[in-house]
PDB file of all heavy atoms in Angstrom:
ATOM      1  N   ASP A   1      -9.993  23.222  13.982  1.00  0.00           N
ATOM      2  CA  ASP A   1     -11.156  23.547  14.809  1.00  0.00           C
ATOM      3  C   ASP A   1     -12.405  22.981  14.149  1.00  0.00           C
ATOM      4  O   ASP A   1     -12.330  22.242  13.156  1.00  0.00           O
ATOM      5  CB  ASP A   1     -11.259  25.064  14.994  1.00  0.00           C
ATOM      6  CG  ASP A   1     -11.221  25.817  13.653  1.00  0.00           C
ATOM      7  OD1 ASP A   1     -11.500  25.200  12.597  1.00  0.00           O
ATOM      8  OD2 ASP A   1     -10.904  27.025  13.661  1.00  0.00           O
ATOM      9  N   ARG A   2     -13.561  23.334  14.700  1.00  0.00           N
ATOM     10  CA  ARG A   2     -14.819  22.797  14.173  1.00  0.00           C
ATOM     11  C   ARG A   2     -15.012  23.127  12.695  1.00  0.00           C
ATOM     12  O   ARG A   2     -15.381  22.258  11.895  1.00  0.00           O
ATOM     13  CB  ARG A   2     -15.996  23.361  14.974  1.00  0.00           C
ATOM     14  CG  ARG A   2     -17.376  22.950  14.443  1.00  0.00           C
ATOM     15  CD  ARG A   2     -18.409  23.990  14.810  1.00  0.00           C
ATOM     16  NE  ARG A   2     -18.030  25.304  14.318  1.00  0.00           N
ATOM     17  CZ  ARG A   2     -18.524  26.446  14.800  1.00  0.00           C
ATOM     18  NH1 ARG A   2     -19.386  26.434  15.791  1.00  0.00           N
ATOM     19  NH2 ARG A   2     -18.141  27.604  14.290  1.00  0.00           N
ATOM     20  N   ASP A   3     -14.776  24.372  12.306  1.00  0.00           N
ATOM     21  CA  ASP A   3     -14.957  24.744  10.910  1.00  0.00           C
ATOM     22  C   ASP A   3     -14.015  23.977   9.999  1.00  0.00           C
ATOM     23  O   ASP A   3     -14.406  23.508   8.926  1.00  0.00           O
ATOM     24  CB  ASP A   3     -14.768  26.251  10.725  1.00  0.00           C
ATOM     25  CG  ASP A   3     -15.867  27.076  11.375  1.00  0.00           C
ATOM     26  OD1 ASP A   3     -16.940  26.493  11.671  1.00  0.00           O
ATOM     27  OD2 ASP A   3     -15.661  28.276  11.603  1.00  0.00           O
ATOM     28  N   GLY A   4     -12.753  23.855  10.434  1.00  0.00           N
ATOM     29  CA  GLY A   4     -11.801  23.099   9.644  1.00  0.00           C
ATOM     30  C   GLY A   4     -12.185  21.629   9.539  1.00  0.00           C
ATOM     31  O   GLY A   4     -12.016  21.009   8.484  1.00  0.00           O
ATOM     32  N   PHE A   5     -12.707  21.078  10.623  1.00  0.00           N
ATOM     33  CA  PHE A   5     -13.155  19.682  10.622  1.00  0.00           C
ATOM     34  C   PHE A   5     -14.276  19.476   9.615  1.00  0.00           C
ATOM     35  O   PHE A   5     -14.262  18.523   8.828  1.00  0.00           O
ATOM     36  CB  PHE A   5     -13.614  19.305  12.031  1.00  0.00           C
ATOM     37  CG  PHE A   5     -13.950  17.850  12.207  1.00  0.00           C
ATOM     38  CD1 PHE A   5     -13.036  16.993  12.791  1.00  0.00           C
ATOM     39  CD2 PHE A   5     -15.185  17.347  11.835  1.00  0.00           C
ATOM     40  CE1 PHE A   5     -13.351  15.644  12.977  1.00  0.00           C
ATOM     41  CE2 PHE A   5     -15.509  16.016  12.004  1.00  0.00           C
ATOM     42  CZ  PHE A   5     -14.584  15.156  12.587  1.00  0.00           C
ATOM     43  N   CYS A   6     -15.257  20.355   9.656  1.00  0.00           N
ATOM     44  CA  CYS A   6     -16.404  20.201   8.755  1.00  0.00           C
ATOM     45  C   CYS A   6     -16.023  20.453   7.300  1.00  0.00           C
ATOM     46  O   CYS A   6     -16.623  19.844   6.388  1.00  0.00           O
ATOM     47  CB  CYS A   6     -17.536  21.135   9.197  1.00  0.00           C
ATOM     48  SG  CYS A   6     -18.241  20.686  10.811  1.00  0.00           S
ATOM     49  N   ARG A   7     -15.051  21.314   7.051  1.00  0.00           N
ATOM     50  CA  ARG A   7     -14.564  21.492   5.678  1.00  0.00           C
ATOM     51  C   ARG A   7     -13.830  20.241   5.195  1.00  0.00           C
ATOM     52  O   ARG A   7     -14.052  19.766   4.080  1.00  0.00           O
ATOM     53  CB  ARG A   7     -13.627  22.692   5.597  1.00  0.00           C
ATOM     54  CG  ARG A   7     -14.316  24.042   5.513  1.00  0.00           C
ATOM     55  CD  ARG A   7     -13.348  25.130   5.074  1.00  0.00           C
ATOM     56  NE  ARG A   7     -12.180  25.221   5.951  1.00  0.00           N
ATOM     57  CZ  ARG A   7     -12.127  26.007   7.020  1.00  0.00           C
ATOM     58  NH1 ARG A   7     -13.180  26.748   7.370  1.00  0.00           N
ATOM     59  NH2 ARG A   7     -11.024  26.048   7.750  1.00  0.00           N
ATOM     60  N   LEU A   8     -12.951  19.736   6.057  1.00  0.00           N
ATOM     61  CA  LEU A   8     -12.186  18.549   5.681  1.00  0.00           C
ATOM     62  C   LEU A   8     -13.089  17.367   5.387  1.00  0.00           C
ATOM     63  O   LEU A   8     -12.875  16.619   4.421  1.00  0.00           O
ATOM     64  CB  LEU A   8     -11.203  18.183   6.802  1.00  0.00           C
ATOM     65  CG  LEU A   8     -10.367  16.923   6.559  1.00  0.00           C
ATOM     66  CD1 LEU A   8      -9.330  17.153   5.461  1.00  0.00           C
ATOM     67  CD2 LEU A   8      -9.682  16.482   7.855  1.00  0.00           C
ATOM     68  N   LEU A   9     -14.129  17.191   6.207  1.00  0.00           N
ATOM     69  CA  LEU A   9     -15.038  16.054   6.053  1.00  0.00           C
ATOM     70  C   LEU A   9     -16.380  16.499   5.493  1.00  0.00           C
ATOM     71  O   LEU A   9     -17.441  16.042   5.930  1.00  0.00           O
ATOM     72  CB  LEU A   9     -15.204  15.345   7.397  1.00  0.00           C
ATOM     73  CG  LEU A   9     -13.927  14.629   7.869  1.00  0.00           C
ATOM     74  CD1 LEU A   9     -14.106  14.076   9.268  1.00  0.00           C
ATOM     75  CD2 LEU A   9     -13.533  13.518   6.905  1.00  0.00           C
ATOM     76  N   SER A  10     -16.334  17.369   4.504  1.00  0.00           N
ATOM     77  CA  SER A  10     -17.539  17.736   3.762  1.00  0.00           C
ATOM     78  C   SER A  10     -18.122  16.497   3.097  1.00  0.00           C
ATOM     79  O   SER A  10     -17.443  15.459   2.952  1.00  0.00           O
ATOM     80  CB  SER A  10     -17.203  18.776   2.697  1.00  0.00           C
ATOM     81  OG  SER A  10     -16.333  18.215   1.712  1.00  0.00           O
ATOM     82  N   ASP A  11     -19.363  16.570   2.680  1.00  0.00           N
ATOM     83  CA  ASP A  11     -19.991  15.431   1.993  1.00  0.00           C
ATOM     84  C   ASP A  11     -19.143  14.983   0.812  1.00  0.00           C
ATOM     85  O   ASP A  11     -18.928  13.783   0.590  1.00  0.00           O
ATOM     86  CB  ASP A  11     -21.391  15.808   1.507  1.00  0.00           C
ATOM     87  CG  ASP A  11     -22.370  16.039   2.655  1.00  0.00           C
ATOM     88  OD1 ASP A  11     -21.960  15.916   3.833  1.00  0.00           O
ATOM     89  OD2 ASP A  11     -23.542  16.349   2.375  1.00  0.00           O
ATOM     90  N   ARG A  12     -18.672  15.952   0.045  1.00  0.00           N
ATOM     91  CA  ARG A  12     -17.876  15.622  -1.137  1.00  0.00           C
ATOM     92  C   ARG A  12     -16.593  14.902  -0.765  1.00  0.00           C
ATOM     93  O   ARG A  12     -16.215  13.901  -1.399  1.00  0.00           O
ATOM     94  CB  ARG A  12     -17.554  16.911  -1.903  1.00  0.00           C
ATOM     95  CG  ARG A  12     -16.720  16.691  -3.158  1.00  0.00           C
ATOM     96  CD  ARG A  12     -16.478  18.016  -3.853  1.00  0.00           C
ATOM     97  NE  ARG A  12     -15.666  17.846  -5.052  1.00  0.00           N
ATOM     98  CZ  ARG A  12     -15.286  18.828  -5.853  1.00  0.00           C
ATOM     99  NH1 ARG A  12     -15.661  20.080  -5.583  1.00  0.00           N
ATOM    100  NH2 ARG A  12     -14.529  18.586  -6.907  1.00  0.00           N
ATOM    101  N   ASN A  13     -15.920  15.382   0.282  1.00  0.00           N
ATOM    102  CA  ASN A  13     -14.673  14.728   0.693  1.00  0.00           C
ATOM    103  C   ASN A  13     -14.911  13.368   1.309  1.00  0.00           C
ATOM    104  O   ASN A  13     -14.090  12.444   1.142  1.00  0.00           O
ATOM    105  CB  ASN A  13     -13.908  15.635   1.662  1.00  0.00           C
ATOM    106  CG  ASN A  13     -13.157  16.741   0.956  1.00  0.00           C
ATOM    107  OD1 ASN A  13     -13.002  16.724  -0.269  1.00  0.00           O
ATOM    108  ND2 ASN A  13     -12.683  17.721   1.714  1.00  0.00           N
ATOM    109  N   GLN A  14     -16.006  13.213   2.034  1.00  0.00           N
ATOM    110  CA  GLN A  14     -16.331  11.885   2.559  1.00  0.00           C
ATOM    111  C   GLN A  14     -16.520  10.894   1.406  1.00  0.00           C
ATOM    112  O   GLN A  14     -15.995   9.771   1.437  1.00  0.00           O
ATOM    113  CB  GLN A  14     -17.597  11.950   3.408  1.00  0.00           C
ATOM    114  CG  GLN A  14     -17.426  12.658   4.733  1.00  0.00           C
ATOM    115  CD  GLN A  14     -18.670  12.577   5.606  1.00  0.00           C
ATOM    116  OE1 GLN A  14     -19.458  11.634   5.499  1.00  0.00           O
ATOM    117  NE2 GLN A  14     -18.855  13.554   6.485  1.00  0.00           N
ATOM    118  N   ASP A  15     -17.262  11.304   0.404  1.00  0.00           N
ATOM    119  CA  ASP A  15     -17.507  10.418  -0.730  1.00  0.00           C
ATOM    120  C   ASP A  15     -16.217  10.130  -1.482  1.00  0.00           C
ATOM    121  O   ASP A  15     -16.004   9.011  -1.985  1.00  0.00           O
ATOM    122  CB  ASP A  15     -18.535  11.040  -1.678  1.00  0.00           C
ATOM    123  CG  ASP A  15     -19.908  11.150  -1.042  1.00  0.00           C
ATOM    124  OD1 ASP A  15     -20.168  10.453  -0.042  1.00  0.00           O
ATOM    125  OD2 ASP A  15     -20.740  11.955  -1.540  1.00  0.00           O
ATOM    126  N   ARG A  16     -15.339  11.113  -1.567  1.00  0.00           N
ATOM    127  CA  ARG A  16     -14.048  10.906  -2.221  1.00  0.00           C
ATOM    128  C   ARG A  16     -13.214   9.887  -1.455  1.00  0.00           C
ATOM    129  O   ARG A  16     -12.560   9.019  -2.059  1.00  0.00           O
ATOM    130  CB  ARG A  16     -13.305  12.235  -2.321  1.00  0.00           C
ATOM    131  CG  ARG A  16     -11.904  12.112  -2.889  1.00  0.00           C
ATOM    132  CD  ARG A  16     -11.186  13.452  -2.879  1.00  0.00           C
ATOM    133  NE  ARG A  16      -9.806  13.306  -3.291  1.00  0.00           N
ATOM    134  CZ  ARG A  16      -8.907  14.273  -3.286  1.00  0.00           C
ATOM    135  NH1 ARG A  16      -9.255  15.490  -2.884  1.00  0.00           N
ATOM    136  NH2 ARG A  16      -7.674  14.046  -3.671  1.00  0.00           N
ATOM    137  N   LEU A  17     -13.234   9.973  -0.134  1.00  0.00           N
ATOM    138  CA  LEU A  17     -12.464   9.039   0.679  1.00  0.00           C
ATOM    139  C   LEU A  17     -12.954   7.613   0.458  1.00  0.00           C
ATOM    140  O   LEU A  17     -12.151   6.672   0.350  1.00  0.00           O
ATOM    141  CB  LEU A  17     -12.586   9.431   2.153  1.00  0.00           C
ATOM    142  CG  LEU A  17     -11.663   8.723   3.135  1.00  0.00           C
ATOM    143  CD1 LEU A  17     -10.193   9.012   2.831  1.00  0.00           C
ATOM    144  CD2 LEU A  17     -11.999   9.135   4.573  1.00  0.00           C
ATOM    145  N   VAL A  18     -14.265   7.436   0.369  1.00  0.00           N
ATOM    146  CA  VAL A  18     -14.821   6.115   0.100  1.00  0.00           C
ATOM    147  C   VAL A  18     -14.376   5.628  -1.272  1.00  0.00           C
ATOM    148  O   VAL A  18     -13.923   4.484  -1.440  1.00  0.00           O
ATOM    149  CB  VAL A  18     -16.363   6.142   0.186  1.00  0.00           C
ATOM    150  CG1 VAL A  18     -16.942   4.783  -0.219  1.00  0.00           C
ATOM    151  CG2 VAL A  18     -16.819   6.515   1.592  1.00  0.00           C
ATOM    152  N   ALA A  19     -14.496   6.485  -2.282  1.00  0.00           N
ATOM    153  CA  ALA A  19     -14.144   6.099  -3.651  1.00  0.00           C
ATOM    154  C   ALA A  19     -12.674   5.713  -3.770  1.00  0.00           C
ATOM    155  O   ALA A  19     -12.324   4.794  -4.532  1.00  0.00           O
ATOM    156  CB  ALA A  19     -14.481   7.238  -4.607  1.00  0.00           C
ATOM    157  N   GLU A  20     -11.806   6.402  -3.048  1.00  0.00           N
ATOM    158  CA  GLU A  20     -10.374   6.138  -3.131  1.00  0.00           C
ATOM    159  C   GLU A  20      -9.937   4.980  -2.233  1.00  0.00           C
ATOM    160  O   GLU A  20      -8.799   4.509  -2.334  1.00  0.00           O
ATOM    161  CB  GLU A  20      -9.584   7.388  -2.776  1.00  0.00           C
ATOM    162  CG  GLU A  20      -9.750   8.523  -3.781  1.00  0.00           C
ATOM    163  CD  GLU A  20      -8.963   9.771  -3.394  1.00  0.00           C
ATOM    164  OE1 GLU A  20      -8.353   9.776  -2.301  1.00  0.00           O
ATOM    165  OE2 GLU A  20      -8.980  10.740  -4.189  1.00  0.00           O
ATOM    166  N   GLY A  21     -10.824   4.523  -1.351  1.00  0.00           N
ATOM    167  CA  GLY A  21     -10.437   3.488  -0.397  1.00  0.00           C
ATOM    168  C   GLY A  21      -9.317   3.932   0.512  1.00  0.00           C
ATOM    169  O   GLY A  21      -8.459   3.146   0.903  1.00  0.00           O
ATOM    170  N   GLY A  22      -9.325   5.209   0.869  1.00  0.00           N
ATOM    171  CA  GLY A  22      -8.200   5.823   1.550  1.00  0.00           C
ATOM    172  C   GLY A  22      -8.277   5.768   3.067  1.00  0.00           C
ATOM    173  O   GLY A  22      -9.105   5.078   3.666  1.00  0.00           O
ATOM    174  N   LEU A  23      -7.362   6.518   3.660  1.00  0.00           N
ATOM    175  CA  LEU A  23      -7.270   6.651   5.110  1.00  0.00           C
ATOM    176  C   LEU A  23      -7.205   8.122   5.464  1.00  0.00           C
ATOM    177  O   LEU A  23      -6.395   8.861   4.888  1.00  0.00           O
ATOM    178  CB  LEU A  23      -6.000   5.955   5.628  1.00  0.00           C
ATOM    179  CG  LEU A  23      -5.505   6.359   7.025  1.00  0.00           C
ATOM    180  CD1 LEU A  23      -6.527   5.966   8.091  1.00  0.00           C
ATOM    181  CD2 LEU A  23      -4.149   5.717   7.315  1.00  0.00           C
ATOM    182  N   CYS A  24      -8.029   8.545   6.389  1.00  0.00           N
ATOM    183  CA  CYS A  24      -7.974   9.911   6.907  1.00  0.00           C
ATOM    184  C   CYS A  24      -7.640   9.860   8.388  1.00  0.00           C
ATOM    185  O   CYS A  24      -8.382   9.274   9.176  1.00  0.00           O
ATOM    186  CB  CYS A  24      -9.304  10.633   6.690  1.00  0.00           C
ATOM    187  SG  CYS A  24      -9.258  12.375   7.192  1.00  0.00           S
ATOM    188  N   ILE A  25      -6.495  10.452   8.748  1.00  0.00           N
ATOM    189  CA  ILE A  25      -6.131  10.637  10.155  1.00  0.00           C
ATOM    190  C   ILE A  25      -6.363  12.111  10.444  1.00  0.00           C
ATOM    191  O   ILE A  25      -5.533  12.963  10.136  1.00  0.00           O
ATOM    192  CB  ILE A  25      -4.665  10.248  10.413  1.00  0.00           C
ATOM    193  CG1 ILE A  25      -4.441   8.771  10.067  1.00  0.00           C
ATOM    194  CG2 ILE A  25      -4.297  10.523  11.876  1.00  0.00           C
ATOM    195  CD1 ILE A  25      -2.989   8.314  10.231  1.00  0.00           C
ATOM    196  N   VAL A  26      -7.507  12.425  11.008  1.00  0.00           N
ATOM    197  CA  VAL A  26      -7.877  13.812  11.281  1.00  0.00           C
ATOM    198  C   VAL A  26      -7.158  14.281  12.534  1.00  0.00           C
ATOM    199  O   VAL A  26      -7.215  13.619  13.576  1.00  0.00           O
ATOM    200  CB  VAL A  26      -9.400  13.957  11.490  1.00  0.00           C
ATOM    201  CG1 VAL A  26      -9.773  15.428  11.651  1.00  0.00           C
ATOM    202  CG2 VAL A  26     -10.175  13.312  10.355  1.00  0.00           C
ATOM    203  N   TYR A  27      -6.503  15.433  12.436  1.00  0.00           N
ATOM    204  CA  TYR A  27      -5.887  16.027  13.629  1.00  0.00           C
ATOM    205  C   TYR A  27      -6.635  17.317  13.942  1.00  0.00           C
ATOM    206  O   TYR A  27      -6.670  18.239  13.147  1.00  0.00           O
ATOM    207  CB  TYR A  27      -4.406  16.333  13.411  1.00  0.00           C
ATOM    208  CG  TYR A  27      -3.711  16.669  14.707  1.00  0.00           C
ATOM    209  CD1 TYR A  27      -3.289  15.651  15.561  1.00  0.00           C
ATOM    210  CD2 TYR A  27      -3.514  17.978  15.110  1.00  0.00           C
ATOM    211  CE1 TYR A  27      -2.680  15.940  16.777  1.00  0.00           C
ATOM    212  CE2 TYR A  27      -2.904  18.279  16.322  1.00  0.00           C
ATOM    213  CZ  TYR A  27      -2.490  17.263  17.143  1.00  0.00           C
ATOM    214  OH  TYR A  27      -1.900  17.551  18.356  1.00  0.00           O
ATOM    215  N   THR A  28      -7.258  17.351  15.131  1.00  0.00           N
ATOM    216  CA  THR A  28      -8.119  18.481  15.469  1.00  0.00           C
ATOM    217  C   THR A  28      -8.037  18.801  16.947  1.00  0.00           C
ATOM    218  O   THR A  28      -7.297  18.157  17.701  1.00  0.00           O
ATOM    219  CB  THR A  28      -9.568  18.189  15.045  1.00  0.00           C
ATOM    220  OG1 THR A  28     -10.342  19.396  15.065  1.00  0.00           O
ATOM    221  CG2 THR A  28     -10.206  17.144  15.949  1.00  0.00           C
ATOM    222  N   HIS A  29      -8.808  19.804  17.364  1.00  0.00           N
ATOM    223  CA  HIS A  29      -8.927  20.201  18.768  1.00  0.00           C
ATOM    224  C   HIS A  29     -10.421  20.223  19.109  1.00  0.00           C
ATOM    225  O   HIS A  29     -11.120  21.168  18.747  1.00  0.00           O
ATOM    226  CB  HIS A  29      -8.354  21.600  19.007  1.00  0.00           C
ATOM    227  CG  HIS A  29      -6.916  21.764  18.626  1.00  0.00           C
ATOM    228  ND1 HIS A  29      -6.497  21.866  17.326  1.00  0.00           N
ATOM    229  CD2 HIS A  29      -5.793  21.884  19.412  1.00  0.00           C
ATOM    230  CE1 HIS A  29      -5.173  22.025  17.301  1.00  0.00           C
ATOM    231  NE2 HIS A  29      -4.732  22.034  18.548  1.00  0.00           N
ATOM    232  N   PHE A  30     -10.899  19.230  19.804  1.00  0.00           N
ATOM    233  CA  PHE A  30     -12.325  19.185  20.146  1.00  0.00           C
ATOM    234  C   PHE A  30     -12.721  20.329  21.092  1.00  0.00           C
ATOM    235  O   PHE A  30     -13.916  20.604  21.244  1.00  0.00           O
ATOM    236  CB  PHE A  30     -12.680  17.847  20.777  1.00  0.00           C
ATOM    237  CG  PHE A  30     -12.854  16.729  19.766  1.00  0.00           C
ATOM    238  CD1 PHE A  30     -12.586  15.412  20.120  1.00  0.00           C
ATOM    239  CD2 PHE A  30     -13.296  16.987  18.481  1.00  0.00           C
ATOM    240  CE1 PHE A  30     -12.762  14.381  19.219  1.00  0.00           C
ATOM    241  CE2 PHE A  30     -13.465  15.962  17.559  1.00  0.00           C
ATOM    242  CZ  PHE A  30     -13.196  14.652  17.936  1.00  0.00           C
ATOM    243  N   ALA A  31     -11.734  20.973  21.699  1.00  0.00           N
ATOM    244  CA  ALA A  31     -12.055  22.111  22.578  1.00  0.00           C
ATOM    245  C   ALA A  31     -12.368  23.372  21.785  1.00  0.00           C
ATOM    246  O   ALA A  31     -12.830  24.358  22.370  1.00  0.00           O
ATOM    247  CB  ALA A  31     -10.888  22.367  23.523  1.00  0.00           C
ATOM    248  N   PHE A  32     -12.126  23.374  20.490  1.00  0.00           N
ATOM    249  CA  PHE A  32     -12.234  24.587  19.688  1.00  0.00           C
ATOM    250  C   PHE A  32     -13.532  24.620  18.884  1.00  0.00           C
ATOM    251  O   PHE A  32     -13.551  24.396  17.673  1.00  0.00           O
ATOM    252  CB  PHE A  32     -11.040  24.708  18.732  1.00  0.00           C
ATOM    253  CG  PHE A  32      -9.707  24.925  19.411  1.00  0.00           C
ATOM    254  CD1 PHE A  32      -8.550  25.012  18.667  1.00  0.00           C
ATOM    255  CD2 PHE A  32      -9.608  25.046  20.789  1.00  0.00           C
ATOM    256  CE1 PHE A  32      -7.320  25.212  19.272  1.00  0.00           C
ATOM    257  CE2 PHE A  32      -8.375  25.238  21.416  1.00  0.00           C
ATOM    258  CZ  PHE A  32      -7.235  25.326  20.655  1.00  0.00           C
ATOM    259  N   GLY A  33     -14.645  24.843  19.579  1.00  0.00           N
ATOM    260  CA  GLY A  33     -15.910  25.120  18.913  1.00  0.00           C
ATOM    261  C   GLY A  33     -16.799  23.939  18.625  1.00  0.00           C
ATOM    262  O   GLY A  33     -17.842  24.106  17.976  1.00  0.00           O
ATOM    263  N   PHE A  34     -16.454  22.745  19.094  1.00  0.00           N
ATOM    264  CA  PHE A  34     -17.267  21.570  18.774  1.00  0.00           C
ATOM    265  C   PHE A  34     -18.502  21.439  19.655  1.00  0.00           C
ATOM    266  O   PHE A  34     -19.427  20.700  19.320  1.00  0.00           O
ATOM    267  CB  PHE A  34     -16.413  20.304  18.890  1.00  0.00           C
ATOM    268  CG  PHE A  34     -15.459  20.108  17.752  1.00  0.00           C
ATOM    269  CD1 PHE A  34     -14.260  20.795  17.696  1.00  0.00           C
ATOM    270  CD2 PHE A  34     -15.761  19.231  16.726  1.00  0.00           C
ATOM    271  CE1 PHE A  34     -13.368  20.615  16.647  1.00  0.00           C
ATOM    272  CE2 PHE A  34     -14.891  19.029  15.665  1.00  0.00           C
ATOM    273  CZ  PHE A  34     -13.689  19.724  15.620  1.00  0.00           C
ATOM    274  N   SER A  35     -18.500  22.113  20.778  1.00  0.00           N
ATOM    275  CA  SER A  35     -19.687  22.088  21.645  1.00  0.00           C
ATOM    276  C   SER A  35     -19.794  23.420  22.360  1.00  0.00           C
ATOM    277  O   SER A  35     -18.830  24.167  22.489  1.00  0.00           O
ATOM    278  CB  SER A  35     -19.601  20.945  22.670  1.00  0.00           C
ATOM    279  OG  SER A  35     -18.583  21.206  23.620  1.00  0.00           O
ATOM    280  N   ASP A  36     -21.013  23.709  22.831  1.00  0.00           N
ATOM    281  CA  ASP A  36     -21.255  24.963  23.539  1.00  0.00           C
ATOM    282  C   ASP A  36     -22.362  24.727  24.560  1.00  0.00           C
ATOM    283  O   ASP A  36     -23.443  24.226  24.206  1.00  0.00           O
ATOM    284  CB  ASP A  36     -21.659  26.055  22.548  1.00  0.00           C
ATOM    285  CG  ASP A  36     -21.841  27.406  23.232  1.00  0.00           C
ATOM    286  OD1 ASP A  36     -21.171  27.653  24.241  1.00  0.00           O
ATOM    287  OD2 ASP A  36     -22.678  28.198  22.754  1.00  0.00           O
TER     288      ASP A  36
END
């Protein structure tokens, strides 16, 4: 959900992904709290 998405892609994790040259395949539900 939205909270899980923002935790997964926190600033720290975004920077880690860049540093590792990695790949993130995020699996989420945009219907769960992303807009209101």
